[in-house]
C-alpha atoms as a PDB file:
ATOM      1  CA  MET A   1     168.285 155.625  99.077  1.00  0.00           C
ATOM      2  CA  ASP A   2     171.956 155.328 100.007  1.00  0.00           C
ATOM      3  CA  LEU A   3     173.078 153.507 103.100  1.00  0.00           C
ATOM      4  CA  ILE A   4     173.564 155.816 106.066  1.00  0.00           C
ATOM      5  CA  ASN A   5     176.929 155.640 107.814  1.00  0.00           C
ATOM      6  CA  ALA A   6     178.008 157.230 111.075  1.00  0.00           C
ATOM      7  CA  GLN A   7     180.958 157.342 113.408  1.00  0.00           C
ATOM      8  CA  ILE A   8     180.402 155.878 116.877  1.00  0.00           C
ATOM      9  CA  GLU A   9     182.585 155.040 119.854  1.00  0.00           C
ATOM     10  CA  LEU A  10     182.489 151.558 121.368  1.00  0.00           C
ATOM     11  CA  SER A  11     183.956 150.730 124.769  1.00  0.00           C
ATOM     12  CA  ASN A  12     184.055 148.059 127.443  1.00  0.00           C
ATOM     13  CA  PRO A  13     182.531 149.675 130.562  1.00  0.00           C
ATOM     14  CA  LYS A  14     183.690 146.763 132.733  1.00  0.00           C
ATOM     15  CA  ASP A  15     187.356 147.647 132.121  1.00  0.00           C
ATOM     16  CA  ARG A  16     188.178 151.323 131.663  1.00  0.00           C
ATOM     17  CA  ASN A  17     191.844 150.425 131.038  1.00  0.00           C
ATOM     18  CA  ILE A  18     190.856 149.138 127.599  1.00  0.00           C
ATOM     19  CA  ASN A  19     190.888 151.991 125.105  1.00  0.00           C
ATOM     20  CA  PRO A  20     187.589 152.716 123.342  1.00  0.00           C
ATOM     21  CA  VAL A  21     187.459 152.262 119.580  1.00  0.00           C
ATOM     22  CA  VAL A  22     185.983 154.776 117.169  1.00  0.00           C
ATOM     23  CA  VAL A  23     184.409 153.017 114.200  1.00  0.00           C
ATOM     24  CA  LYS A  24     182.417 153.768 111.107  1.00  0.00           C
ATOM     25  CA  CYS A  25     179.099 151.933 111.243  1.00  0.00           C
ATOM     26  CA  SER A  26     176.292 151.245 108.846  1.00  0.00           C
ATOM     27  CA  VAL A  27     172.934 152.354 110.231  1.00  0.00           C
ATOM     28  CA  ASP A  28     170.071 149.933 109.646  1.00  0.00           C
ATOM     29  CA  THR A  29     166.700 150.710 111.215  1.00  0.00           C
ATOM     30  CA  GLY A  30     165.429 147.377 109.860  1.00  0.00           C
ATOM     31  CA  SER A  31     167.866 145.515 112.124  1.00  0.00           C
ATOM     32  CA  LEU A  32     167.361 145.412 115.856  1.00  0.00           C
ATOM     33  CA  HIS A  33     170.772 144.934 117.436  1.00  0.00           C
ATOM     34  CA  LEU A  34     174.340 146.114 117.290  1.00  0.00           C
ATOM     35  CA  CYS A  35     176.493 143.760 115.219  1.00  0.00           C
ATOM     36  CA  ILE A  36     180.271 143.905 115.430  1.00  0.00           C
ATOM     37  CA  PRO A  37     183.075 141.991 113.720  1.00  0.00           C
ATOM     38  CA  GLU A  38     185.114 139.547 115.775  1.00  0.00           C
ATOM     39  CA  HIS A  39     188.222 141.763 115.801  1.00  0.00           C
ATOM     40  CA  ILE A  40     186.280 144.527 117.628  1.00  0.00           C
ATOM     41  CA  ALA A  41     185.052 142.043 120.265  1.00  0.00           C
ATOM     42  CA  LEU A  42     188.628 140.844 120.762  1.00  0.00           C
ATOM     43  CA  GLN A  43     190.045 144.374 120.907  1.00  0.00           C
ATOM     44  CA  LEU A  44     187.522 145.393 123.581  1.00  0.00           C
ATOM     45  CA  GLU A  45     187.963 142.083 125.446  1.00  0.00           C
ATOM     46  CA  LEU A  46     184.208 141.511 125.545  1.00  0.00           C
ATOM     47  CA  GLU A  47     182.777 138.489 127.323  1.00  0.00           C
ATOM     48  CA  GLU A  48     180.581 136.006 125.445  1.00  0.00           C
ATOM     49  CA  LEU A  49     177.283 135.883 127.314  1.00  0.00           C
ATOM     50  CA  TYR A  50     175.633 133.190 125.187  1.00  0.00           C
ATOM     51  CA  LYS A  51     174.839 132.255 121.579  1.00  0.00           C
ATOM     52  CA  ARG A  52     171.957 133.640 119.549  1.00  0.00           C
ATOM     53  CA  GLU A  53     170.507 132.511 116.275  1.00  0.00           C
ATOM     54  CA  VAL A  54     170.223 135.220 113.641  1.00  0.00           C
ATOM     55  CA  THR A  55     168.530 135.146 110.266  1.00  0.00           C
ATOM     56  CA  THR A  56     170.209 137.083 107.474  1.00  0.00           C
ATOM     57  CA  ALA A  57     168.512 138.775 104.522  1.00  0.00           C
ATOM     58  CA  ASP A  58     169.080 135.681 102.372  1.00  0.00           C
ATOM     59  CA  GLY A  59     166.990 133.622 104.820  1.00  0.00           C
ATOM     60  CA  LYS A  60     169.923 131.645 106.237  1.00  0.00           C
ATOM     61  CA  ARG A  61     170.228 131.086 109.975  1.00  0.00           C
ATOM     62  CA  HIS A  62     173.499 131.442 111.858  1.00  0.00           C
ATOM     63  CA  LEU A  63     174.455 130.722 115.458  1.00  0.00           C
ATOM     64  CA  VAL A  64     176.603 133.644 116.641  1.00  0.00           C
ATOM     65  CA  PRO A  65     178.130 134.861 119.921  1.00  0.00           C
ATOM     66  CA  TYR A  66     176.287 137.527 121.872  1.00  0.00           C
ATOM     67  CA  MET A  67     178.891 139.617 123.710  1.00  0.00           C
ATOM     68  CA  GLY A  68     178.610 142.237 126.401  1.00  0.00           C
ATOM     69  CA  LEU A  69     178.537 144.527 128.191  1.00  0.00           C
ATOM     70  CA  LEU A  70     179.309 147.241 125.646  1.00  0.00           C
ATOM     71  CA  ALA A  71     178.911 151.033 125.725  1.00  0.00           C
ATOM     72  CA  ILE A  72     178.027 152.979 122.584  1.00  0.00           C
ATOM     73  CA  ARG A  73     178.532 156.729 122.264  1.00  0.00           C
ATOM     74  CA  PHE A  74     177.240 158.996 119.482  1.00  0.00           C
ATOM     75  CA  GLU A  75     177.632 162.759 119.838  1.00  0.00           C
ATOM     76  CA  ASN A  76     176.079 163.639 123.251  1.00  0.00           C
ATOM     77  CA  ARG A  77     174.310 160.278 123.624  1.00  0.00           C
ATOM     78  CA  ALA A  78     175.333 156.914 125.051  1.00  0.00           C
ATOM     79  CA  CYS A  79     173.831 153.569 125.994  1.00  0.00           C
ATOM     80  CA  PHE A  80     174.769 150.127 127.250  1.00  0.00           C
ATOM     81  CA  THR A  81     173.991 147.054 125.166  1.00  0.00           C
ATOM     82  CA  GLY A  82     175.137 143.660 124.014  1.00  0.00           C
ATOM     83  CA  ALA A  83     176.365 142.907 120.510  1.00  0.00           C
ATOM     84  CA  LEU A  84     176.051 140.079 118.050  1.00  0.00           C
ATOM     85  CA  VAL A  85     179.465 139.107 116.693  1.00  0.00           C
ATOM     86  CA  PHE A  86     178.736 138.725 113.023  1.00  0.00           C
ATOM     87  CA  GLY A  87     179.968 140.105 109.720  1.00  0.00           C
ATOM     88  CA  ASP A  88     182.899 142.286 108.757  1.00  0.00           C
ATOM     89  CA  GLU A  89     181.536 145.720 109.654  1.00  0.00           C
ATOM     90  CA  VAL A  90     179.742 147.423 112.522  1.00  0.00           C
ATOM     91  CA  LEU A  91     175.982 147.596 112.079  1.00  0.00           C
ATOM     92  CA  LEU A  92     173.910 149.855 114.330  1.00  0.00           C
ATOM     93  CA  GLY A  93     170.330 148.628 114.719  1.00  0.00           C
ATOM     94  CA  ALA A  94     167.112 150.125 116.034  1.00  0.00           C
ATOM     95  CA  VAL A  95     167.328 149.079 119.716  1.00  0.00           C
ATOM     96  CA  PRO A  96     170.458 151.085 120.636  1.00  0.00           C
ATOM     97  CA  MET A  97     169.279 153.943 118.400  1.00  0.00           C
ATOM     98  CA  GLU A  98     165.984 154.086 120.292  1.00  0.00           C
ATOM     99  CA  ASP A  99     167.787 153.905 123.625  1.00  0.00           C
ATOM    100  CA  MET A 100     169.998 156.874 122.675  1.00  0.00           C
ATOM    101  CA  ASP A 101     167.091 158.754 121.032  1.00  0.00           C
ATOM    102  CA  ILE A 102     168.899 159.170 117.730  1.00  0.00           C
ATOM    103  CA  LEU A 103     167.311 159.142 114.286  1.00  0.00           C
ATOM    104  CA  THR A 104     168.168 158.805 110.646  1.00  0.00           C
ATOM    105  CA  SER A 105     167.667 161.928 108.552  1.00  0.00           C
ATOM    106  CA  PRO A 106     166.804 160.901 104.986  1.00  0.00           C
ATOM    107  CA  SER A 107     167.317 164.434 103.670  1.00  0.00           C
ATOM    108  CA  LYS A 108     170.789 164.700 105.221  1.00  0.00           C
ATOM    109  CA  GLN A 109     171.605 160.997 104.710  1.00  0.00           C
ATOM    110  CA  ALA A 110     172.955 161.050 108.259  1.00  0.00           C
ATOM    111  CA  LEU A 111     172.455 159.813 111.786  1.00  0.00           C
ATOM    112  CA  ILE A 112     171.298 162.692 114.007  1.00  0.00           C
ATOM    113  CA  VAL A 113     170.358 163.437 117.602  1.00  0.00           C
ATOM    114  CA  ASN A 114     166.590 163.779 117.876  1.00  0.00           C
ATOM    115  CA  PRO A 115     165.955 167.503 117.250  1.00  0.00           C
ATOM    116  CA  GLU A 116     162.932 167.382 119.589  1.00  0.00           C
ATOM    117  CA  SER A 117     165.247 166.462 122.490  1.00  0.00           C
ATOM    118  CA  PRO A 118     168.690 167.835 121.578  1.00  0.00           C
ATOM    119  CA  ASN A 119     170.174 168.005 125.083  1.00  0.00           C
ATOM    120  CA  ILE A 120     169.138 164.761 126.735  1.00  0.00           C
ATOM    121  CA  ALA A 121     167.867 161.439 125.387  1.00  0.00           C
ATOM    122  CA  LEU A 122     164.136 161.025 125.653  1.00  0.00           C
ATOM    123  CA  PRO A 123     163.431 157.457 124.530  1.00  0.00           C
ATOM    124  CA  LEU A 124     159.832 156.305 124.423  1.00  0.00           C
ATOM    125  CA  SER A 125     159.136 154.657 127.788  1.00  0.00           C
ATOM    126  CA  LYS A 126     155.418 154.614 128.400  1.00  0.00           C
ATOM    127  CA  LEU A 127     153.438 152.021 130.284  1.00  0.00           C
ATOM    128  CA  LEU A 128     150.186 151.060 128.643  1.00  0.00           C
END
């Protein structure tokens, strides 16, 4: 299966004078968080909240900045999140996808709004 890519908008909700950036991202449902390259964090003037340790696919561990607050927009969906500053491309993980109620469509090889809730996000939020 080919890697799914999508176009998303990233912005700094703490300072609306900073222009949002529209970026191509790789979609990875096996990853949890949003990962952004350093130049995006600098462009959006994000604040480092703390460091987090991440483990990459090769088993290596890296201490990386966790920046925030960040807004993500895809089609008619948006969410607030933090981002790991790591790598040279934007990687959209499962947590912000779940928050925005967006899915990957294997047949279309695309990121899509959940067809069961096309007008408003309906993330799973049940108490057990």
